[in-house]
N, C-alpha and C. Protein backbone atom coordinates (compact mmCIF):
# COMPACT_ATOMS: atom_id res chain seq x y z
N MET A 1 13.69 -26.66 65.52
CA MET A 1 13.38 -27.18 64.18
C MET A 1 14.56 -27.19 63.11
N ASP A 2 14.58 -28.23 62.53
CA ASP A 2 15.85 -28.43 61.70
C ASP A 2 15.40 -28.26 60.34
N PHE A 3 16.30 -28.14 59.18
CA PHE A 3 16.10 -27.82 57.71
C PHE A 3 15.03 -28.93 57.06
N TRP A 4 15.22 -30.13 57.51
CA TRP A 4 14.38 -31.04 57.06
C TRP A 4 12.81 -30.99 57.38
N CYS A 5 12.69 -30.51 58.70
CA CYS A 5 11.46 -30.31 59.09
C CYS A 5 10.78 -29.14 58.41
N LEU A 6 11.46 -28.08 58.30
CA LEU A 6 10.87 -27.04 57.60
C LEU A 6 10.52 -27.20 56.21
N ILE A 7 11.32 -27.85 55.52
CA ILE A 7 10.97 -28.35 54.11
C ILE A 7 9.72 -29.16 54.18
N LYS A 8 9.63 -30.14 55.10
CA LYS A 8 8.43 -31.08 55.21
C LYS A 8 7.22 -30.26 55.31
N ASP A 9 7.24 -29.14 56.30
CA ASP A 9 6.15 -28.34 56.75
C ASP A 9 5.73 -27.35 55.63
N TRP A 10 6.71 -26.96 54.60
CA TRP A 10 6.33 -26.02 53.72
C TRP A 10 6.44 -26.61 52.39
N GLN A 11 6.19 -27.99 51.99
CA GLN A 11 6.58 -28.62 50.96
C GLN A 11 5.62 -28.11 49.83
N THR A 12 4.23 -27.96 50.35
CA THR A 12 3.29 -27.50 49.29
C THR A 12 3.62 -26.17 48.79
N GLY A 13 3.95 -25.41 49.61
CA GLY A 13 4.28 -23.97 49.29
C GLY A 13 5.64 -23.92 48.23
N ILE A 14 6.49 -24.78 48.73
CA ILE A 14 7.76 -24.67 47.79
C ILE A 14 7.41 -25.28 46.55
N VAL A 15 6.69 -26.39 46.54
CA VAL A 15 6.32 -27.00 45.28
C VAL A 15 5.50 -25.85 44.30
N GLY A 16 4.52 -25.22 44.94
CA GLY A 16 3.69 -24.10 44.32
C GLY A 16 4.59 -23.18 43.84
N LEU A 17 5.67 -22.57 44.44
CA LEU A 17 6.54 -21.73 44.16
C LEU A 17 7.35 -22.18 42.87
N LEU A 18 8.00 -23.35 43.04
CA LEU A 18 8.63 -23.89 41.76
C LEU A 18 7.93 -24.08 40.77
N ALA A 19 6.57 -24.18 40.77
CA ALA A 19 5.67 -24.44 39.55
C ALA A 19 5.50 -23.01 39.01
N VAL A 20 5.26 -21.99 39.80
CA VAL A 20 5.15 -20.60 39.31
C VAL A 20 6.41 -20.12 38.62
N VAL A 21 7.57 -20.49 38.97
CA VAL A 21 9.00 -20.07 38.36
C VAL A 21 8.99 -20.88 37.11
N VAL A 22 8.59 -22.16 37.04
CA VAL A 22 8.75 -22.79 35.75
C VAL A 22 7.65 -22.31 34.64
N ALA A 23 6.56 -22.14 35.32
CA ALA A 23 5.35 -21.49 34.26
C ALA A 23 6.12 -20.25 33.78
N ALA A 24 6.50 -19.50 34.49
CA ALA A 24 7.00 -18.00 34.24
C ALA A 24 8.17 -18.11 32.95
N ALA A 25 8.84 -19.20 33.38
CA ALA A 25 10.20 -19.53 32.41
C ALA A 25 9.51 -20.10 31.15
N ALA A 26 8.64 -20.87 31.18
CA ALA A 26 7.88 -21.45 30.00
C ALA A 26 7.29 -20.23 28.95
N LEU A 27 6.53 -19.19 29.89
CA LEU A 27 5.94 -18.21 29.09
C LEU A 27 6.98 -17.34 28.45
N PHE A 28 8.21 -17.11 29.11
CA PHE A 28 9.21 -16.23 28.71
C PHE A 28 9.68 -16.86 27.36
N TRP A 29 9.84 -18.29 27.50
CA TRP A 29 10.53 -18.79 26.18
C TRP A 29 9.52 -18.91 25.11
N ASP A 30 8.27 -19.07 25.53
CA ASP A 30 7.15 -19.13 24.40
C ASP A 30 7.08 -17.79 23.77
N ARG A 31 7.07 -16.72 24.61
CA ARG A 31 7.03 -15.46 23.91
C ARG A 31 8.11 -15.01 22.96
N LYS A 32 9.32 -15.45 23.49
CA LYS A 32 10.51 -15.32 22.84
C LYS A 32 10.61 -16.09 21.51
N ASP A 33 9.91 -17.33 21.64
CA ASP A 33 9.97 -18.15 20.28
C ASP A 33 8.84 -17.55 19.28
N ARG A 34 7.83 -17.08 19.93
CA ARG A 34 6.89 -16.35 19.09
C ARG A 34 7.21 -15.10 18.46
N ARG A 35 7.96 -14.50 19.01
CA ARG A 35 8.62 -13.11 18.64
C ARG A 35 9.80 -13.44 17.69
N ASP A 36 10.42 -14.40 17.85
CA ASP A 36 11.53 -14.80 16.87
C ASP A 36 10.80 -15.38 15.52
N THR A 37 9.83 -16.19 15.63
CA THR A 37 9.01 -16.58 14.44
C THR A 37 8.40 -15.40 13.72
N TRP A 38 7.85 -14.40 14.45
CA TRP A 38 7.34 -13.22 13.87
C TRP A 38 8.35 -12.47 13.19
N LEU A 39 9.38 -12.24 13.82
CA LEU A 39 10.53 -11.47 13.11
C LEU A 39 11.08 -12.19 11.85
N SER A 40 11.33 -13.48 11.77
CA SER A 40 11.41 -14.17 10.67
C SER A 40 10.55 -14.11 9.51
N LYS A 41 9.33 -14.28 9.99
CA LYS A 41 8.24 -14.03 8.84
C LYS A 41 8.25 -12.63 8.47
N ASN A 42 8.36 -11.59 9.33
CA ASN A 42 8.48 -10.29 8.85
C ASN A 42 9.73 -10.01 7.84
N GLN A 43 10.76 -10.63 8.21
CA GLN A 43 11.91 -10.43 7.27
C GLN A 43 11.62 -10.99 5.97
N ALA A 44 11.14 -12.24 5.90
CA ALA A 44 10.67 -12.95 4.76
C ALA A 44 9.75 -12.24 3.87
N ALA A 45 8.73 -11.71 4.48
CA ALA A 45 7.67 -10.74 3.79
C ALA A 45 8.43 -9.60 3.17
N ARG A 46 9.13 -9.00 4.25
CA ARG A 46 9.87 -7.71 3.57
C ARG A 46 10.82 -7.99 2.59
N ALA A 47 11.45 -9.06 2.47
CA ALA A 47 12.43 -9.46 1.33
C ALA A 47 11.74 -9.42 0.08
N GLN A 48 10.48 -9.65 -0.07
CA GLN A 48 9.94 -9.89 -1.41
C GLN A 48 9.17 -8.61 -1.62
N MET A 49 9.11 -7.54 -0.74
CA MET A 49 8.41 -6.44 -0.87
C MET A 49 9.06 -5.59 -2.02
N PRO A 50 10.39 -5.33 -2.19
CA PRO A 50 11.09 -4.43 -3.21
C PRO A 50 10.55 -4.89 -4.65
N ASP A 51 10.59 -6.34 -4.60
CA ASP A 51 10.10 -6.89 -6.02
C ASP A 51 8.69 -6.53 -6.50
N ALA A 52 7.87 -6.72 -5.46
CA ALA A 52 6.40 -6.44 -5.57
C ALA A 52 6.23 -5.00 -5.99
N LEU A 53 6.85 -4.06 -5.18
CA LEU A 53 6.59 -2.74 -5.49
C LEU A 53 7.20 -2.35 -6.82
N ALA A 54 8.31 -2.85 -7.32
CA ALA A 54 8.95 -2.55 -8.58
C ALA A 54 7.93 -3.20 -9.73
N GLU A 55 7.29 -4.30 -9.31
CA GLU A 55 6.48 -4.84 -10.42
C GLU A 55 5.28 -4.01 -10.51
N LEU A 56 4.76 -3.51 -9.54
CA LEU A 56 3.56 -2.58 -9.49
C LEU A 56 3.92 -1.27 -10.21
N SER A 57 5.07 -0.80 -9.96
CA SER A 57 5.62 0.42 -10.75
C SER A 57 5.69 0.24 -12.15
N GLN A 58 6.28 -0.86 -12.50
CA GLN A 58 6.25 -1.14 -13.86
C GLN A 58 4.90 -1.25 -14.43
N TYR A 59 4.00 -1.78 -13.73
CA TYR A 59 2.67 -1.92 -14.37
C TYR A 59 1.99 -0.62 -14.66
N LEU A 60 2.11 0.19 -13.49
CA LEU A 60 1.55 1.58 -13.52
C LEU A 60 2.23 2.31 -14.82
N SER A 61 3.55 2.31 -14.99
CA SER A 61 4.04 3.00 -16.19
C SER A 61 3.57 2.42 -17.62
N GLY A 62 3.15 1.12 -17.40
CA GLY A 62 2.64 0.69 -18.66
C GLY A 62 1.23 1.11 -18.87
N VAL A 63 0.45 1.36 -17.64
CA VAL A 63 -0.98 1.77 -17.83
C VAL A 63 -0.80 3.29 -18.42
N MET A 64 0.15 3.95 -17.94
CA MET A 64 0.18 5.39 -18.28
C MET A 64 0.57 5.48 -19.71
N ALA A 65 1.49 4.63 -20.17
CA ALA A 65 1.77 4.51 -21.77
C ALA A 65 0.57 4.25 -22.41
N TYR A 66 -0.27 3.36 -22.04
CA TYR A 66 -1.55 3.13 -22.86
C TYR A 66 -2.54 4.35 -22.65
N LEU A 67 -2.63 4.97 -21.53
CA LEU A 67 -3.44 6.10 -21.60
C LEU A 67 -3.09 7.27 -22.32
N ARG A 68 -1.59 7.24 -22.65
CA ARG A 68 -1.00 8.41 -23.48
C ARG A 68 -1.01 7.95 -25.05
N GLY A 69 -1.60 6.74 -25.32
CA GLY A 69 -1.43 6.51 -26.71
C GLY A 69 -0.16 5.86 -27.27
N LYS A 70 0.66 5.60 -26.07
CA LYS A 70 2.04 5.00 -26.51
C LYS A 70 2.19 3.59 -26.37
N ALA A 71 1.02 2.96 -26.14
CA ALA A 71 0.90 1.30 -26.05
C ALA A 71 -0.46 1.05 -26.56
N GLU A 72 -0.48 0.06 -27.21
CA GLU A 72 -1.87 -0.54 -27.75
C GLU A 72 -2.64 -1.20 -26.84
N GLU A 73 -2.06 -2.00 -25.90
CA GLU A 73 -2.90 -2.72 -25.00
C GLU A 73 -2.47 -2.35 -23.57
N LEU A 74 -3.60 -2.77 -22.65
CA LEU A 74 -3.36 -2.53 -21.25
C LEU A 74 -2.49 -3.61 -20.62
N PRO A 75 -1.59 -3.30 -19.74
CA PRO A 75 -0.79 -4.44 -18.99
C PRO A 75 -1.86 -5.37 -18.12
N GLU A 76 -1.38 -6.50 -18.07
CA GLU A 76 -2.27 -7.38 -16.98
C GLU A 76 -1.95 -6.93 -15.65
N PRO A 77 -3.03 -7.10 -14.79
CA PRO A 77 -2.92 -6.53 -13.37
C PRO A 77 -1.82 -7.47 -12.73
N ARG A 78 -1.29 -6.97 -11.65
CA ARG A 78 -0.08 -7.78 -11.20
C ARG A 78 -0.87 -8.41 -9.69
N ARG A 79 -1.23 -9.43 -9.82
CA ARG A 79 -2.10 -10.15 -8.78
C ARG A 79 -0.90 -10.65 -7.82
N GLU A 80 0.07 -11.17 -8.45
CA GLU A 80 1.05 -11.83 -7.43
C GLU A 80 1.74 -10.73 -6.48
N ALA A 81 2.01 -9.72 -7.07
CA ALA A 81 2.55 -8.44 -6.14
C ALA A 81 1.51 -8.17 -5.02
N ILE A 82 0.42 -8.13 -5.37
CA ILE A 82 -0.61 -7.80 -4.38
C ILE A 82 -0.67 -8.87 -3.29
N LYS A 83 -0.50 -10.11 -3.75
CA LYS A 83 -0.51 -11.16 -2.77
C LYS A 83 0.77 -10.91 -1.76
N VAL A 84 1.88 -10.48 -2.35
CA VAL A 84 2.99 -10.46 -1.41
C VAL A 84 2.71 -9.32 -0.55
N LEU A 85 2.24 -8.13 -0.94
CA LEU A 85 1.99 -7.06 -0.11
C LEU A 85 0.80 -7.51 0.85
N ASN A 86 -0.29 -8.16 0.66
CA ASN A 86 -1.12 -8.78 1.59
C ASN A 86 -0.53 -9.49 2.79
N LYS A 87 0.38 -10.26 2.41
CA LYS A 87 1.22 -11.23 3.26
C LYS A 87 2.15 -10.22 4.14
N THR A 88 2.71 -9.28 3.57
CA THR A 88 3.28 -8.49 4.36
C THR A 88 2.70 -7.43 5.49
N ILE A 89 1.42 -7.36 5.11
CA ILE A 89 0.46 -6.50 6.23
C ILE A 89 0.39 -7.28 7.66
N GLU A 90 0.47 -8.69 7.38
CA GLU A 90 0.29 -9.56 8.65
C GLU A 90 1.51 -9.33 9.44
N PHE A 91 2.65 -8.79 9.13
CA PHE A 91 4.04 -9.12 9.85
C PHE A 91 4.64 -7.63 9.80
N THR A 92 3.71 -6.46 9.71
CA THR A 92 4.30 -5.17 10.07
C THR A 92 3.70 -4.31 10.93
N ASP A 93 4.25 -3.37 11.34
CA ASP A 93 3.62 -2.55 12.65
C ASP A 93 2.14 -1.92 11.85
N PRO A 94 1.33 -1.57 12.85
CA PRO A 94 0.03 -1.09 12.35
C PRO A 94 0.06 0.23 11.49
N GLU A 95 1.13 1.14 11.58
CA GLU A 95 1.10 2.20 10.65
C GLU A 95 1.52 1.89 9.16
N THR A 96 2.64 1.16 9.26
CA THR A 96 3.06 0.70 7.99
C THR A 96 1.95 -0.34 7.36
N ALA A 97 1.26 -0.99 8.04
CA ALA A 97 0.18 -2.03 7.49
C ALA A 97 -0.87 -1.06 6.79
N SER A 98 -1.02 0.04 7.49
CA SER A 98 -2.23 0.93 6.93
C SER A 98 -1.77 1.56 5.64
N ASN A 99 -0.35 1.83 5.47
CA ASN A 99 -0.03 2.38 4.34
C ASN A 99 -0.03 1.24 3.10
N ILE A 100 0.20 0.12 3.44
CA ILE A 100 0.20 -0.90 2.64
C ILE A 100 -1.16 -1.32 2.24
N SER A 101 -2.03 -1.23 3.11
CA SER A 101 -3.62 -1.59 2.81
C SER A 101 -4.07 -0.24 1.98
N LYS A 102 -3.57 0.80 2.27
CA LYS A 102 -4.28 2.08 1.35
C LYS A 102 -3.75 1.71 -0.18
N LEU A 103 -2.57 1.42 -0.27
CA LEU A 103 -1.99 1.12 -1.55
C LEU A 103 -2.81 0.01 -2.29
N ILE A 104 -3.15 -1.02 -1.48
CA ILE A 104 -3.87 -2.14 -1.98
C ILE A 104 -5.14 -1.64 -2.49
N ILE A 105 -5.80 -0.98 -1.60
CA ILE A 105 -7.30 -0.58 -1.79
C ILE A 105 -7.42 0.34 -3.03
N ASN A 106 -6.37 1.39 -3.26
CA ASN A 106 -6.51 2.11 -4.43
C ASN A 106 -6.12 1.51 -5.53
N TYR A 107 -5.07 0.51 -5.53
CA TYR A 107 -4.86 -0.33 -6.81
C TYR A 107 -6.14 -1.07 -7.10
N GLN A 108 -6.94 -1.86 -6.14
CA GLN A 108 -8.09 -2.51 -6.63
C GLN A 108 -9.09 -1.56 -7.12
N VAL A 109 -9.28 -0.46 -6.58
CA VAL A 109 -10.35 0.70 -7.30
C VAL A 109 -9.85 1.05 -8.71
N HIS A 110 -8.48 1.23 -8.92
CA HIS A 110 -7.88 1.41 -10.11
C HIS A 110 -8.23 0.33 -11.12
N VAL A 111 -8.02 -0.76 -10.82
CA VAL A 111 -8.10 -2.13 -11.74
C VAL A 111 -9.60 -2.24 -12.02
N SER A 112 -10.38 -2.02 -10.85
CA SER A 112 -11.87 -1.91 -11.41
C SER A 112 -12.40 -1.01 -12.37
N ARG A 113 -11.86 0.12 -12.11
CA ARG A 113 -12.23 1.25 -13.10
C ARG A 113 -11.58 1.12 -14.34
N MET A 114 -10.34 0.58 -14.45
CA MET A 114 -9.49 0.45 -15.69
C MET A 114 -10.12 -0.70 -16.60
N TYR A 115 -10.43 -1.71 -16.07
CA TYR A 115 -10.61 -2.86 -16.75
C TYR A 115 -12.15 -3.19 -16.78
N LYS A 116 -12.93 -2.76 -15.91
CA LYS A 116 -14.38 -2.98 -15.88
C LYS A 116 -15.06 -1.91 -16.58
N SER A 117 -14.74 -0.71 -16.41
CA SER A 117 -15.73 0.45 -16.88
C SER A 117 -14.72 1.46 -17.25
N GLU A 118 -13.87 1.37 -18.18
CA GLU A 118 -12.79 2.32 -18.46
C GLU A 118 -13.62 3.75 -19.18
N ALA A 119 -14.84 3.30 -19.94
CA ALA A 119 -15.34 4.34 -20.51
C ALA A 119 -15.99 5.45 -19.52
N MET A 120 -16.45 4.86 -18.29
CA MET A 120 -17.13 5.72 -17.45
C MET A 120 -16.30 6.79 -16.62
N PHE A 121 -14.87 6.66 -16.68
CA PHE A 121 -14.09 7.75 -16.05
C PHE A 121 -13.10 8.26 -17.06
N ASP A 122 -13.01 9.61 -16.81
CA ASP A 122 -12.04 10.28 -17.72
C ASP A 122 -10.78 10.07 -17.56
N ARG A 123 -9.64 10.29 -18.55
CA ARG A 123 -8.42 10.15 -18.41
C ARG A 123 -7.75 10.68 -17.25
N ASN A 124 -8.07 11.90 -16.88
CA ASN A 124 -7.38 12.65 -15.77
C ASN A 124 -7.78 11.72 -14.46
N GLU A 125 -8.82 11.07 -14.31
CA GLU A 125 -9.18 10.33 -13.13
C GLU A 125 -8.13 9.19 -13.22
N HIS A 126 -8.23 8.42 -14.40
CA HIS A 126 -7.21 7.21 -14.49
C HIS A 126 -5.76 7.70 -14.01
N VAL A 127 -5.46 8.91 -14.59
CA VAL A 127 -3.83 9.19 -14.15
C VAL A 127 -3.84 9.68 -12.93
N TYR A 128 -4.76 10.15 -12.18
CA TYR A 128 -4.79 10.63 -10.75
C TYR A 128 -4.62 9.29 -10.06
N ASP A 129 -5.24 8.30 -10.37
CA ASP A 129 -5.29 6.84 -9.65
C ASP A 129 -3.87 6.23 -9.70
N ILE A 130 -3.24 6.41 -10.77
CA ILE A 130 -1.82 5.88 -11.10
C ILE A 130 -0.94 6.74 -10.14
N SER A 131 -1.20 8.17 -10.17
CA SER A 131 -0.21 8.87 -9.40
C SER A 131 -0.40 8.61 -7.82
N LEU A 132 -1.63 8.39 -7.35
CA LEU A 132 -1.89 8.10 -6.04
C LEU A 132 -1.27 6.77 -5.58
N ILE A 133 -1.44 5.73 -6.49
CA ILE A 133 -0.79 4.59 -6.06
C ILE A 133 0.73 4.56 -6.06
N SER A 134 1.27 5.42 -7.16
CA SER A 134 2.67 5.59 -7.04
C SER A 134 3.27 6.39 -5.96
N ALA A 135 2.44 7.13 -5.46
CA ALA A 135 2.89 8.04 -4.11
C ALA A 135 3.03 7.04 -3.06
N TYR A 136 2.04 5.95 -2.92
CA TYR A 136 2.08 5.10 -1.88
C TYR A 136 3.32 4.07 -1.99
N ILE A 137 3.61 3.78 -3.20
CA ILE A 137 4.74 2.87 -3.51
C ILE A 137 6.04 3.42 -3.23
N SER A 138 6.18 4.79 -3.50
CA SER A 138 7.25 5.60 -3.05
C SER A 138 7.41 5.71 -1.52
N ARG A 139 6.35 5.78 -0.75
CA ARG A 139 6.32 5.84 0.54
C ARG A 139 7.00 4.38 1.19
N LEU A 140 6.59 3.53 0.50
CA LEU A 140 6.87 2.09 1.19
C LEU A 140 8.30 1.54 0.55
N PHE A 141 8.92 2.18 -0.40
CA PHE A 141 10.12 1.72 -0.85
C PHE A 141 11.17 1.75 0.29
N GLU A 142 11.37 2.60 0.80
CA GLU A 142 12.52 2.83 1.98
C GLU A 142 12.27 1.67 2.90
N PHE A 143 10.98 1.38 3.29
CA PHE A 143 10.75 0.56 4.36
C PHE A 143 11.13 -0.88 3.92
N SER A 144 10.58 -1.16 2.49
CA SER A 144 10.80 -2.44 1.83
C SER A 144 12.27 -2.83 2.03
N ARG A 145 13.15 -1.81 1.65
CA ARG A 145 14.55 -1.99 1.66
C ARG A 145 15.23 -2.17 3.01
N GLY A 146 14.43 -1.83 4.02
CA GLY A 146 15.09 -1.99 5.44
C GLY A 146 15.89 -0.66 5.85
N ILE A 147 15.61 0.43 5.14
CA ILE A 147 16.29 1.72 5.58
C ILE A 147 15.62 2.36 6.62
N ILE A 148 14.17 2.34 6.77
CA ILE A 148 13.57 2.70 7.89
C ILE A 148 12.79 1.53 8.43
N LYS A 149 12.39 1.71 9.62
CA LYS A 149 11.72 0.77 10.48
C LYS A 149 10.18 0.62 10.12
N HIS A 150 9.50 1.68 9.94
CA HIS A 150 8.05 1.82 9.58
C HIS A 150 7.75 3.07 9.00
N VAL A 151 6.55 3.16 8.44
CA VAL A 151 6.25 4.20 7.61
C VAL A 151 4.84 4.92 8.36
N PRO A 152 5.10 6.10 8.60
CA PRO A 152 4.08 6.84 9.41
C PRO A 152 2.84 7.05 8.64
N ASP A 153 1.66 6.69 9.26
CA ASP A 153 0.21 6.63 8.53
C ASP A 153 -0.15 8.21 8.47
N MET A 154 0.17 9.01 7.50
CA MET A 154 -0.12 10.30 7.28
C MET A 154 -0.97 10.29 5.98
N LYS A 155 -1.95 11.40 5.99
CA LYS A 155 -2.46 11.59 4.64
C LYS A 155 -1.30 12.05 3.48
N LEU A 156 -1.50 11.49 2.52
CA LEU A 156 -0.65 12.07 1.37
C LEU A 156 -0.71 13.54 1.13
N GLU A 157 0.34 14.12 0.77
CA GLU A 157 0.34 15.49 0.53
C GLU A 157 0.45 15.64 -1.07
N ALA A 158 -0.17 16.73 -1.51
CA ALA A 158 -0.02 17.03 -3.04
C ALA A 158 1.25 16.72 -3.67
N ARG A 159 2.34 17.48 -3.09
CA ARG A 159 3.68 17.06 -3.76
C ARG A 159 3.96 15.59 -3.93
N GLU A 160 3.54 14.70 -2.99
CA GLU A 160 4.01 13.28 -3.13
C GLU A 160 3.19 12.73 -4.17
N VAL A 161 1.90 13.02 -4.41
CA VAL A 161 1.07 12.69 -5.55
C VAL A 161 1.65 13.07 -6.90
N ILE A 162 2.04 14.48 -6.87
CA ILE A 162 2.55 14.96 -8.13
C ILE A 162 3.69 14.32 -8.41
N ASN A 163 4.53 13.96 -7.38
CA ASN A 163 5.77 13.11 -7.64
C ASN A 163 5.35 11.82 -8.21
N GLY A 164 4.29 11.25 -7.77
CA GLY A 164 3.67 9.99 -8.21
C GLY A 164 3.46 10.16 -9.72
N LEU A 165 2.90 11.40 -10.04
CA LEU A 165 2.63 11.42 -11.60
C LEU A 165 4.07 11.63 -12.32
N GLN A 166 4.79 12.30 -11.79
CA GLN A 166 6.00 12.43 -12.53
C GLN A 166 6.72 11.07 -12.81
N GLN A 167 6.66 10.20 -11.86
CA GLN A 167 7.43 9.00 -11.97
C GLN A 167 6.71 8.02 -13.06
N ASN A 168 5.65 8.23 -13.46
CA ASN A 168 4.93 7.39 -14.60
C ASN A 168 5.07 8.19 -15.86
N ILE A 169 5.90 9.27 -15.96
CA ILE A 169 5.88 9.92 -17.38
C ILE A 169 7.50 9.87 -17.81
N GLU A 170 7.83 9.53 -18.99
CA GLU A 170 9.12 9.30 -19.29
C GLU A 170 9.91 10.27 -18.71
N LEU A 171 10.96 9.78 -17.94
CA LEU A 171 12.09 10.88 -17.46
C LEU A 171 11.53 12.01 -16.71
N TYR A 172 10.56 11.86 -15.94
CA TYR A 172 10.17 13.06 -15.36
C TYR A 172 9.87 14.47 -16.19
N MET A 173 9.25 14.19 -17.31
CA MET A 173 9.04 15.14 -18.27
C MET A 173 7.91 16.23 -17.84
N TYR A 174 7.17 15.89 -16.83
CA TYR A 174 6.15 16.80 -16.51
C TYR A 174 6.77 17.97 -15.86
N LYS A 175 6.25 19.12 -16.31
CA LYS A 175 6.56 20.54 -15.57
C LYS A 175 5.43 21.10 -15.36
N PRO A 176 5.35 21.92 -14.17
CA PRO A 176 4.02 22.68 -14.08
C PRO A 176 3.74 23.42 -15.16
N GLY A 177 2.32 23.60 -15.48
CA GLY A 177 1.62 24.19 -16.66
C GLY A 177 1.67 23.27 -17.75
N ASP A 178 2.18 22.07 -17.77
CA ASP A 178 2.14 21.00 -18.84
C ASP A 178 0.51 20.65 -19.12
N ALA A 179 0.10 21.19 -20.29
CA ALA A 179 -1.47 21.08 -20.71
C ALA A 179 -1.90 19.64 -20.51
N GLU A 180 -0.99 18.87 -20.84
CA GLU A 180 -1.39 17.38 -20.88
C GLU A 180 -1.82 16.86 -19.60
N PHE A 181 -1.15 17.56 -18.42
CA PHE A 181 -1.66 16.85 -17.34
C PHE A 181 -2.16 18.08 -16.21
N ASP A 182 -2.41 19.22 -16.78
CA ASP A 182 -2.99 20.25 -15.81
C ASP A 182 -4.24 19.82 -15.07
N GLY A 183 -5.22 19.10 -15.87
CA GLY A 183 -6.38 18.63 -14.96
C GLY A 183 -6.03 17.49 -14.06
N VAL A 184 -5.06 16.69 -14.15
CA VAL A 184 -4.77 15.86 -13.21
C VAL A 184 -4.26 16.60 -11.99
N VAL A 185 -3.21 17.53 -12.19
CA VAL A 185 -2.88 18.39 -11.15
C VAL A 185 -3.88 19.08 -10.22
N GLU A 186 -4.93 19.66 -11.15
CA GLU A 186 -5.86 20.12 -10.38
C GLU A 186 -6.69 19.28 -9.45
N ILE A 187 -6.93 18.11 -9.88
CA ILE A 187 -7.64 17.06 -9.04
C ILE A 187 -6.61 16.74 -7.82
N ILE A 188 -5.40 16.60 -8.05
CA ILE A 188 -4.50 16.48 -6.81
C ILE A 188 -4.43 17.58 -5.91
N LYS A 189 -4.58 18.78 -6.35
CA LYS A 189 -4.46 19.90 -5.57
C LYS A 189 -5.80 20.02 -4.58
N ARG A 190 -6.81 19.57 -5.46
CA ARG A 190 -8.20 19.59 -4.82
C ARG A 190 -8.23 18.60 -3.80
N ARG A 191 -7.86 17.45 -3.74
CA ARG A 191 -8.01 16.32 -3.02
C ARG A 191 -6.87 16.29 -1.90
N HIS A 192 -5.69 16.88 -2.12
CA HIS A 192 -4.54 16.76 -1.11
C HIS A 192 -4.07 18.21 -0.99
N SER A 193 -3.36 18.31 0.21
CA SER A 193 -2.88 19.59 0.46
C SER A 193 -1.41 19.45 0.95
N ASP A 194 -0.53 20.55 0.78
CA ASP A 194 0.64 20.44 1.46
C ASP A 194 0.61 21.11 2.59
N PRO A 195 1.57 20.92 3.46
CA PRO A 195 1.67 21.59 4.90
C PRO A 195 2.00 22.96 4.68
N ALA A 196 1.52 23.87 5.50
CA ALA A 196 1.68 25.34 5.38
C ALA A 196 3.02 25.67 5.81
C-alpha cells in the first residue's frame, strides 16, 4: 500500500479532521476577537468613570450645602454620570458591577426622596443617603483610575460611611461628638458595623 492509496482510503477522515482543526482555529480567533472587543469597551467605559464619580461627588457636596442652609437651591441630579456608570456595569467583573449597581440604586433612592418627597424624610436620613453614596464612590475611585482590578462586593462598614459623611462637610470638619451630625452617626452605626 503506497501513500496515495492510504490518502484515498482515508480521505473522508482526513477532510473531517481538517474541518475540526479549522473550526477550532475559527473559535479561538472568534473568542480572542470578542475578548479584545470586551477589553476595549471596558477600558473606554472605565476611562469615563473618574469624571462621572467626581461629578456625583460634586453633586453630593451641593446637596449637603443645601441641607446645611449654605445653598439656596438643590443642584440638578447628574443623569449623565449615572448613564456612564450604567454603561460601565456591562464591562466589569461581577463584584465591581455589584458595587456600581448599589451606588446607582442608592443614588436613585436619594433623588426620589430629595426631589419628590423632601418633607417626608428628616435631614439625618438625607445626610445618611449622601454619606452612603459617597462611601460607594470612594470604593470605586481606585478601580476607576486603574489602580485596582476589581472592587470586592462586601457590606459597607460604619467607618466607610462616616468617611463618606466627612467627605461632604467642608474640609473634614466633622469630629466625633459633633452635635450637628450625631443623629446621622447613630443611623450609620445602627445600619453598619465595623469588623471586630
